[in-house]
Amino acid sequence: MNTTAEAFDWLRFDGVLFDLDGVITPTADIHEQAWLELFRGYGATSDDYLRYIDGKPRAVGVRSFLQSRGVELPQGHPDDPPGDATIWALGNRKNLLFLSILQRDGVSPYPGSAALVDHLEQIGVPSAIVSSSKNAKLVLERAGLAHRFPVVVDGIVAAAEHLHGKPAPDAFLLGAERLGTRPDRTVVVEDAVSGVAAGRAGDFALVIGVDRGAGHEALGAHGADLVVDDLAELLPAERAR
């Protein structure tokens, strides 16, 4: 699809599915801080975060990173106490680190993203959040956006519905279903390569990549039809000023 940010017409679509961390709020930065702290002893870098962890469910991210270091651990159970003996224990430890940083620093939405959410509401195009995070609703509350997204498909919903994580399209397909739209009439907005791959795998009408560090080329290679640096680029000219 030949798509540009110029004169972008949202009324061509029936709904929009937004990832949260790195798309609506800069919580991807908080997640990265928490992950790098968790794996500090392994010499984890920002490149490791983008390559092995970004956009994936927590336990999948733990396993993916450890495999990159040739480390194997038992899967454990989601209720494992935070620690380092199992995949789930490490994931739960990471979550404590994330919540600590969120509590300390708070979070505000990206201005361009907030403006786009406002615009979509004003023109009557519904939107939803589709996130791998189990903290999505908490982040939305802290950012003052909980009332803007009546449909949230997060890590808690994914576990309850036994959905495969991104890059599988399951969560986005459920998001479209709960929003009352068809995939071929719905836009996916993502910042992670696993997320744009999920949107492409679900045959959505348009997959938009937001480059928060993954890179235009990588997002395009994994399925983004259009890549922007900020969602303000997709506002009408009079709103973008």
Foldseek 3Di string as FASTA:
>chain_A
DQDDLPPFDLVQFQAEEEAPDPAWWVLVVLLVVLVCVLCVVVVDDPVLCQPQPPQWALLSSLVRSCVVVVDDAAQDDCPDDQDPRHSNNSSNSSVVSSVVCCVVPFIATDVLSVLVLVVCVVVVRAYAYQGADPCVCVNCVSHVNNVSHPHYHYNVNCVVVVHHGFVAQRSVCVSCVVVVHDQLRYEYEEAGLRRQLNSVNSVHNFYEHAHPPSDPVSNVVSHHSYYYPGNLSNDPPVSSD
